[in-house]
C-alpha atoms as a PDB file:
ATOM      1  CA  MET A   1       8.505 -19.377 -16.475  1.00  0.00           C
ATOM      2  CA  LYS A   2       5.539 -21.123 -14.854  1.00  0.00           C
ATOM      3  CA  GLU A   3       2.117 -19.522 -14.481  1.00  0.00           C
ATOM      4  CA  LEU A   4       1.256 -17.485 -11.370  1.00  0.00           C
ATOM      5  CA  PRO A   5       1.045 -19.955  -8.440  1.00  0.00           C
ATOM      6  CA  ARG A   6      -2.155 -20.597  -6.526  1.00  0.00           C
ATOM      7  CA  PRO A   7      -2.791 -18.195  -3.648  1.00  0.00           C
ATOM      8  CA  GLN A   8      -1.601 -18.931  -0.122  1.00  0.00           C
ATOM      9  CA  PHE A   9      -3.364 -17.737   3.047  1.00  0.00           C
ATOM     10  CA  LEU A  10      -0.813 -16.655   5.648  1.00  0.00           C
ATOM     11  CA  GLY A  11      -3.212 -15.794   8.480  1.00  0.00           C
ATOM     12  CA  ARG A  12      -3.002 -12.619  10.579  1.00  0.00           C
ATOM     13  CA  LEU A  13       0.417 -10.958  10.505  1.00  0.00           C
ATOM     14  CA  SER A  14       1.883  -7.690  11.686  1.00  0.00           C
ATOM     15  CA  TYR A  15       2.441  -5.234   8.866  1.00  0.00           C
ATOM     16  CA  GLY A  16       6.187  -5.046   9.476  1.00  0.00           C
ATOM     17  CA  TRP A  17       6.627  -8.807   9.286  1.00  0.00           C
ATOM     18  CA  ALA A  18       4.558  -9.071   6.098  1.00  0.00           C
ATOM     19  CA  LEU A  19       6.551  -6.233   4.542  1.00  0.00           C
ATOM     20  CA  SER A  20       9.817  -8.056   5.286  1.00  0.00           C
ATOM     21  CA  LEU A  21       8.440 -11.246   3.716  1.00  0.00           C
ATOM     22  CA  GLN A  22       7.408  -9.367   0.584  1.00  0.00           C
ATOM     23  CA  ARG A  23      10.745  -7.673   0.152  1.00  0.00           C
ATOM     24  CA  ALA A  24      12.645 -10.934   0.603  1.00  0.00           C
ATOM     25  CA  ARG A  25      10.425 -12.813  -1.832  1.00  0.00           C
ATOM     26  CA  ARG A  26      10.590 -10.056  -4.445  1.00  0.00           C
ATOM     27  CA  GLN A  27      14.394 -10.082  -4.318  1.00  0.00           C
ATOM     28  CA  ALA A  28      14.329 -13.851  -4.720  1.00  0.00           C
ATOM     29  CA  VAL A  29      12.037 -13.540  -7.760  1.00  0.00           C
ATOM     30  CA  ILE A  30      14.309 -10.883  -9.285  1.00  0.00           C
ATOM     31  CA  GLU A  31      17.283 -13.212  -8.835  1.00  0.00           C
ATOM     32  CA  GLY A  32      15.395 -16.220 -10.198  1.00  0.00           C
ATOM     33  CA  ARG A  33      15.531 -18.112  -6.886  1.00  0.00           C
ATOM     34  CA  ALA A  34      11.777 -18.292  -6.213  1.00  0.00           C
ATOM     35  CA  PRO A  35       8.471 -18.244  -8.098  1.00  0.00           C
ATOM     36  CA  GLU A  36       5.948 -15.436  -8.113  1.00  0.00           C
ATOM     37  CA  ALA A  37       3.445 -15.365  -5.246  1.00  0.00           C
ATOM     38  CA  LEU A  38      -0.071 -14.303  -4.326  1.00  0.00           C
ATOM     39  CA  TRP A  39      -0.404 -14.093  -0.549  1.00  0.00           C
ATOM     40  CA  LEU A  40      -3.580 -13.468   1.438  1.00  0.00           C
ATOM     41  CA  LEU A  41      -3.696 -12.279   5.021  1.00  0.00           C
ATOM     42  CA  GLU A  42      -5.151  -9.985   7.642  1.00  0.00           C
ATOM     43  CA  HIS A  43      -3.247  -7.280   9.500  1.00  0.00           C
ATOM     44  CA  ASP A  44      -3.316  -5.920  12.996  1.00  0.00           C
ATOM     45  CA  PRO A  45      -4.445  -2.255  12.917  1.00  0.00           C
ATOM     46  CA  VAL A  46      -1.952  -0.087  11.018  1.00  0.00           C
ATOM     47  CA  VAL A  47      -1.900   3.088   8.925  1.00  0.00           C
ATOM     48  CA  THR A  48       0.304   3.111   5.844  1.00  0.00           C
ATOM     49  CA  LEU A  49       1.429   6.076   3.767  1.00  0.00           C
ATOM     50  CA  GLY A  50       2.336   5.690   0.100  1.00  0.00           C
ATOM     51  CA  ARG A  51       5.103   7.434  -1.828  1.00  0.00           C
ATOM     52  CA  ARG A  52       3.124  10.678  -1.956  1.00  0.00           C
ATOM     53  CA  GLY A  53       2.517  10.636   1.774  1.00  0.00           C
ATOM     54  CA  GLY A  54      -1.070  11.019   2.918  1.00  0.00           C
ATOM     55  CA  GLU A  55      -3.371  12.978   5.162  1.00  0.00           C
ATOM     56  CA  LEU A  56      -3.911  11.815   8.734  1.00  0.00           C
ATOM     57  CA  ARG A  57      -6.690  12.820  11.088  1.00  0.00           C
ATOM     58  CA  THR A  58      -6.380  11.285  14.569  1.00  0.00           C
ATOM     59  CA  VAL A  59      -4.557   7.972  14.795  1.00  0.00           C
ATOM     60  CA  PRO A  60      -4.994   6.217  18.169  1.00  0.00           C
ATOM     61  CA  GLU A  61      -1.956   5.752  20.361  1.00  0.00           C
ATOM     62  CA  GLY A  62      -0.343   2.401  19.727  1.00  0.00           C
ATOM     63  CA  VAL A  63      -1.416   2.131  16.084  1.00  0.00           C
ATOM     64  CA  PRO A  64       1.723   2.195  13.872  1.00  0.00           C
ATOM     65  CA  VAL A  65       2.019   4.648  10.991  1.00  0.00           C
ATOM     66  CA  VAL A  66       4.334   3.198   8.341  1.00  0.00           C
ATOM     67  CA  SER A  67       5.699   4.905   5.218  1.00  0.00           C
ATOM     68  CA  VAL A  68       6.105   2.468   2.326  1.00  0.00           C
ATOM     69  CA  GLU A  69       7.099   2.461  -1.336  1.00  0.00           C
ATOM     70  CA  ARG A  70       3.716   1.617  -2.858  1.00  0.00           C
ATOM     71  CA  GLY A  71       1.699   4.023  -4.950  1.00  0.00           C
ATOM     72  CA  GLY A  72      -1.207   5.932  -3.480  1.00  0.00           C
ATOM     73  CA  LEU A  73      -1.621   7.905  -0.279  1.00  0.00           C
ATOM     74  CA  ALA A  74      -2.914   6.880   3.152  1.00  0.00           C
ATOM     75  CA  THR A  75      -4.804   3.702   3.902  1.00  0.00           C
ATOM     76  CA  VAL A  76      -5.784   1.616   6.914  1.00  0.00           C
ATOM     77  CA  HIS A  77      -5.403  -2.126   7.416  1.00  0.00           C
ATOM     78  CA  CYS A  78      -7.254  -3.884  10.214  1.00  0.00           C
ATOM     79  CA  PRO A  79      -8.890  -7.219  11.047  1.00  0.00           C
ATOM     80  CA  GLY A  80     -11.868  -8.074   8.863  1.00  0.00           C
ATOM     81  CA  GLN A  81     -10.115  -6.763   5.765  1.00  0.00           C
ATOM     82  CA  LEU A  82      -8.736  -9.215   3.196  1.00  0.00           C
ATOM     83  CA  VAL A  83      -5.264  -8.130   2.094  1.00  0.00           C
ATOM     84  CA  GLY A  84      -3.680  -9.606  -1.022  1.00  0.00           C
ATOM     85  CA  TYR A  85       0.009  -9.193  -1.810  1.00  0.00           C
ATOM     86  CA  LEU A  86       1.214  -9.916  -5.337  1.00  0.00           C
ATOM     87  CA  ILE A  87       4.834 -10.687  -6.156  1.00  0.00           C
ATOM     88  CA  VAL A  88       4.498 -10.724  -9.954  1.00  0.00           C
ATOM     89  CA  ASP A  89       7.248 -10.503 -12.577  1.00  0.00           C
ATOM     90  CA  LEU A  90       5.650  -8.080 -14.994  1.00  0.00           C
ATOM     91  CA  GLY A  91       8.793  -8.024 -17.108  1.00  0.00           C
ATOM     92  CA  SER A  92       8.165 -11.640 -18.118  1.00  0.00           C
ATOM     93  CA  ARG A  93       4.548 -10.915 -19.059  1.00  0.00           C
ATOM     94  CA  LYS A  94       2.831  -9.144 -21.921  1.00  0.00           C
ATOM     95  CA  GLY A  95       1.251  -6.050 -20.435  1.00  0.00           C
ATOM     96  CA  SER A  96       1.709  -2.880 -18.457  1.00  0.00           C
ATOM     97  CA  VAL A  97       1.366  -1.606 -14.901  1.00  0.00           C
ATOM     98  CA  ARG A  98      -1.980  -0.067 -15.812  1.00  0.00           C
ATOM     99  CA  ARG A  99      -3.248  -3.374 -17.150  1.00  0.00           C
ATOM    100  CA  MET A 100      -2.137  -5.164 -13.988  1.00  0.00           C
ATOM    101  CA  VAL A 101      -4.013  -2.689 -11.800  1.00  0.00           C
ATOM    102  CA  ASP A 102      -7.050  -3.118 -14.057  1.00  0.00           C
ATOM    103  CA  ALA A 103      -6.810  -6.905 -13.713  1.00  0.00           C
ATOM    104  CA  ILE A 104      -6.693  -6.749  -9.913  1.00  0.00           C
ATOM    105  CA  GLU A 105      -9.698  -4.437  -9.851  1.00  0.00           C
ATOM    106  CA  GLU A 106     -11.556  -6.672 -12.324  1.00  0.00           C
ATOM    107  CA  GLY A 107     -11.016  -9.761 -10.174  1.00  0.00           C
ATOM    108  CA  LEU A 108     -12.381  -7.962  -7.116  1.00  0.00           C
ATOM    109  CA  ILE A 109     -15.359  -6.631  -9.073  1.00  0.00           C
ATOM    110  CA  ARG A 110     -16.145 -10.160 -10.286  1.00  0.00           C
ATOM    111  CA  TRP A 111     -16.078 -11.575  -6.764  1.00  0.00           C
ATOM    112  CA  LEU A 112     -18.269  -8.788  -5.394  1.00  0.00           C
ATOM    113  CA  ALA A 113     -20.762  -9.568  -8.157  1.00  0.00           C
ATOM    114  CA  THR A 114     -21.044 -13.126  -6.780  1.00  0.00           C
ATOM    115  CA  GLN A 115     -22.244 -11.537  -3.543  1.00  0.00           C
ATOM    116  CA  GLY A 116     -24.834  -9.423  -5.339  1.00  0.00           C
ATOM    117  CA  ILE A 117     -22.773  -6.214  -5.076  1.00  0.00           C
ATOM    118  CA  ALA A 118     -22.465  -4.109  -8.237  1.00  0.00           C
ATOM    119  CA  ALA A 119     -18.993  -2.579  -7.971  1.00  0.00           C
ATOM    120  CA  HIS A 120     -17.080  -0.495 -10.495  1.00  0.00           C
ATOM    121  CA  ARG A 121     -13.941   1.506 -11.229  1.00  0.00           C
ATOM    122  CA  SER A 122     -13.845   5.276 -10.870  1.00  0.00           C
ATOM    123  CA  PRO A 123     -11.713   7.191 -13.422  1.00  0.00           C
ATOM    124  CA  GLY A 124      -8.717   8.804 -11.753  1.00  0.00           C
ATOM    125  CA  ARG A 125      -9.354   7.022  -8.453  1.00  0.00           C
ATOM    126  CA  PRO A 126      -7.652   3.615  -8.179  1.00  0.00           C
ATOM    127  CA  GLY A 127      -9.495   0.886  -6.338  1.00  0.00           C
ATOM    128  CA  VAL A 128     -13.009  -0.532  -6.435  1.00  0.00           C
ATOM    129  CA  TRP A 129     -16.124   1.463  -5.678  1.00  0.00           C
ATOM    130  CA  VAL A 130     -19.793   0.874  -4.892  1.00  0.00           C
ATOM    131  CA  GLY A 131     -21.640   4.022  -5.795  1.00  0.00           C
ATOM    132  CA  ASP A 132     -19.523   6.826  -4.336  1.00  0.00           C
ATOM    133  CA  ALA A 133     -18.017   4.655  -1.581  1.00  0.00           C
ATOM    134  CA  LYS A 134     -14.713   2.800  -1.746  1.00  0.00           C
ATOM    135  CA  ILE A 135     -14.770  -0.903  -0.921  1.00  0.00           C
ATOM    136  CA  ALA A 136     -11.252  -1.932  -1.992  1.00  0.00           C
ATOM    137  CA  ALA A 137      -7.887  -0.190  -2.308  1.00  0.00           C
ATOM    138  CA  VAL A 138      -5.184  -1.109  -4.830  1.00  0.00           C
ATOM    139  CA  GLY A 139      -1.547   0.017  -4.668  1.00  0.00           C
ATOM    140  CA  LEU A 140       1.632  -1.480  -6.134  1.00  0.00           C
ATOM    141  CA  HIS A 141       5.358  -0.879  -6.298  1.00  0.00           C
ATOM    142  CA  PHE A 142       7.759  -2.280  -8.899  1.00  0.00           C
ATOM    143  CA  ARG A 143      11.469  -2.940  -8.726  1.00  0.00           C
ATOM    144  CA  ARG A 144      13.186  -4.358 -11.815  1.00  0.00           C
ATOM    145  CA  GLY A 145       9.757  -5.237 -13.143  1.00  0.00           C
ATOM    146  CA  VAL A 146       8.603  -7.226 -10.102  1.00  0.00           C
ATOM    147  CA  SER A 147       5.638  -6.021  -8.036  1.00  0.00           C
ATOM    148  CA  MET A 148       4.974  -5.764  -4.316  1.00  0.00           C
ATOM    149  CA  HIS A 149       1.918  -4.764  -2.274  1.00  0.00           C
ATOM    150  CA  GLY A 150      -1.498  -5.336  -3.864  1.00  0.00           C
ATOM    151  CA  PHE A 151      -5.095  -4.907  -2.682  1.00  0.00           C
ATOM    152  CA  ALA A 152      -7.190  -4.557   0.468  1.00  0.00           C
ATOM    153  CA  LEU A 153     -10.849  -5.608   0.289  1.00  0.00           C
ATOM    154  CA  ASN A 154     -13.184  -4.505   3.064  1.00  0.00           C
ATOM    155  CA  LEU A 155     -15.188  -7.532   4.145  1.00  0.00           C
ATOM    156  CA  ARG A 156     -16.118  -6.761   7.745  1.00  0.00           C
ATOM    157  CA  PRO A 157     -13.568  -4.342   9.219  1.00  0.00           C
ATOM    158  CA  ASP A 158     -14.452  -1.703  11.796  1.00  0.00           C
ATOM    159  CA  LEU A 159     -15.180   1.146   9.375  1.00  0.00           C
ATOM    160  CA  SER A 160     -14.615   3.738  12.097  1.00  0.00           C
ATOM    161  CA  SER A 161     -10.895   2.958  11.666  1.00  0.00           C
ATOM    162  CA  PHE A 162     -10.973   4.837   8.363  1.00  0.00           C
ATOM    163  CA  GLU A 163     -11.786   8.026  10.263  1.00  0.00           C
ATOM    164  CA  TRP A 164      -8.112   8.046  11.285  1.00  0.00           C
ATOM    165  CA  ILE A 165      -7.149   9.174   7.769  1.00  0.00           C
ATOM    166  CA  VAL A 166      -8.351  10.708   4.521  1.00  0.00           C
ATOM    167  CA  PRO A 167      -8.460   7.409   2.571  1.00  0.00           C
ATOM    168  CA  CYS A 168      -6.167   7.624  -0.467  1.00  0.00           C
ATOM    169  CA  GLY A 169      -6.592  11.402  -0.502  1.00  0.00           C
ATOM    170  CA  HIS A 170     -10.312  11.279  -1.308  1.00  0.00           C
ATOM    171  CA  ARG A 171     -12.912  12.644   1.069  1.00  0.00           C
ATOM    172  CA  ALA A 172     -15.308   9.918  -0.031  1.00  0.00           C
ATOM    173  CA  PRO A 173     -16.982   7.380   2.254  1.00  0.00           C
ATOM    174  CA  VAL A 174     -15.588   3.895   2.777  1.00  0.00           C
ATOM    175  CA  THR A 175     -17.858   0.855   2.779  1.00  0.00           C
ATOM    176  CA  SER A 176     -17.628  -2.908   3.257  1.00  0.00           C
ATOM    177  CA  VAL A 177     -19.444  -6.092   2.330  1.00  0.00           C
ATOM    178  CA  ALA A 178     -20.901  -6.256   5.843  1.00  0.00           C
ATOM    179  CA  ALA A 179     -22.124  -2.646   5.682  1.00  0.00           C
ATOM    180  CA  LEU A 180     -23.852  -3.304   2.355  1.00  0.00           C
ATOM    181  CA  LEU A 181     -25.306  -6.750   3.069  1.00  0.00           C
ATOM    182  CA  GLY A 182     -25.662  -6.795   6.844  1.00  0.00           C
ATOM    183  CA  ASP A 183     -23.016  -9.496   7.243  1.00  0.00           C
ATOM    184  CA  SER A 184     -19.887 -10.816   5.566  1.00  0.00           C
ATOM    185  CA  PRO A 185     -17.735 -13.932   5.632  1.00  0.00           C
ATOM    186  CA  ALA A 186     -14.329 -13.690   7.257  1.00  0.00           C
ATOM    187  CA  PRO A 187     -11.167 -13.219   5.163  1.00  0.00           C
ATOM    188  CA  TRP A 188     -10.067 -16.807   5.722  1.00  0.00           C
ATOM    189  CA  GLU A 189     -13.437 -18.075   4.485  1.00  0.00           C
ATOM    190  CA  VAL A 190     -13.450 -16.275   1.127  1.00  0.00           C
ATOM    191  CA  GLY A 191      -9.799 -15.438   0.542  1.00  0.00           C
ATOM    192  CA  GLY A 192      -9.409 -18.376  -1.840  1.00  0.00           C
ATOM    193  CA  PRO A 193     -12.333 -17.516  -4.154  1.00  0.00           C
ATOM    194  CA  VAL A 194     -11.417 -13.808  -4.180  1.00  0.00           C
ATOM    195  CA  ALA A 195      -7.778 -14.502  -4.979  1.00  0.00           C
ATOM    196  CA  GLU A 196      -8.588 -17.071  -7.650  1.00  0.00           C
ATOM    197  CA  LEU A 197     -10.639 -14.477  -9.540  1.00  0.00           C
ATOM    198  CA  VAL A 198      -7.825 -11.922  -9.180  1.00  0.00           C
ATOM    199  CA  ARG A 199      -5.305 -14.537 -10.289  1.00  0.00           C
ATOM    200  CA  ALA A 200      -7.438 -15.514 -13.301  1.00  0.00           C
ATOM    201  CA  ALA A 201      -7.802 -11.878 -14.356  1.00  0.00           C
ATOM    202  CA  ILE A 202      -4.020 -11.377 -14.159  1.00  0.00           C
ATOM    203  CA  VAL A 203      -3.311 -14.576 -16.114  1.00  0.00           C
ATOM    204  CA  ASP A 204      -5.815 -13.572 -18.812  1.00  0.00           C
ATOM    205  CA  THR A 205      -4.697  -9.951 -19.009  1.00  0.00           C
ATOM    206  CA  LEU A 206      -0.935 -10.464 -18.614  1.00  0.00           C
ATOM    207  CA  PRO A 207       0.025 -13.737 -20.301  1.00  0.00           C
ATOM    208  CA  VAL A 208       3.546 -15.063 -19.825  1.00  0.00           C
ATOM    209  CA  ARG A 209       5.894 -14.347 -22.724  1.00  0.00           C
ATOM    210  CA  ARG A 210       6.745 -17.589 -24.510  1.00  0.00           C
END
């Protein structure tokens, strides 16, 4: 098995289309017909609910609410947020689901540090945090050892969108790079550096079995 491929930026896609692409690629990885993948993109506004559901407030008319198989509760995707989807064959790697989540979080923390933002984990609350505010969500789903879904990093989204839900079940504030620094690059501008740090953390933490 080759190492995790370099990330690909897919642009701005609807959530439904991206979900179909993930499911097809994961099945191909399970069957040995395609390599693993790390995809970067933006989404049109959408609310997603994880396996445990989630708490909604007031979702505007026309914004889809989609139930999916990933872990976690409710989250929002919208333009200005960098979404990373990881199709990774954990069964062929040395490590666990917990270590993969840790690796994703570590890669995001390392990139935020390059921007002068001191981010951290919060015990019992998946994702990446700055103080008491969440700046990135992480949620995965595995089938036959192969992952889907991934992370969502708030670069410069409209933070009022998160008032539609109780983010991931926590009544904690949500923040972004732009809110902390006054401005932020767009997802397409920094998707590569962010994903390379996430990829490096996964490769280091979950080496391929030889």
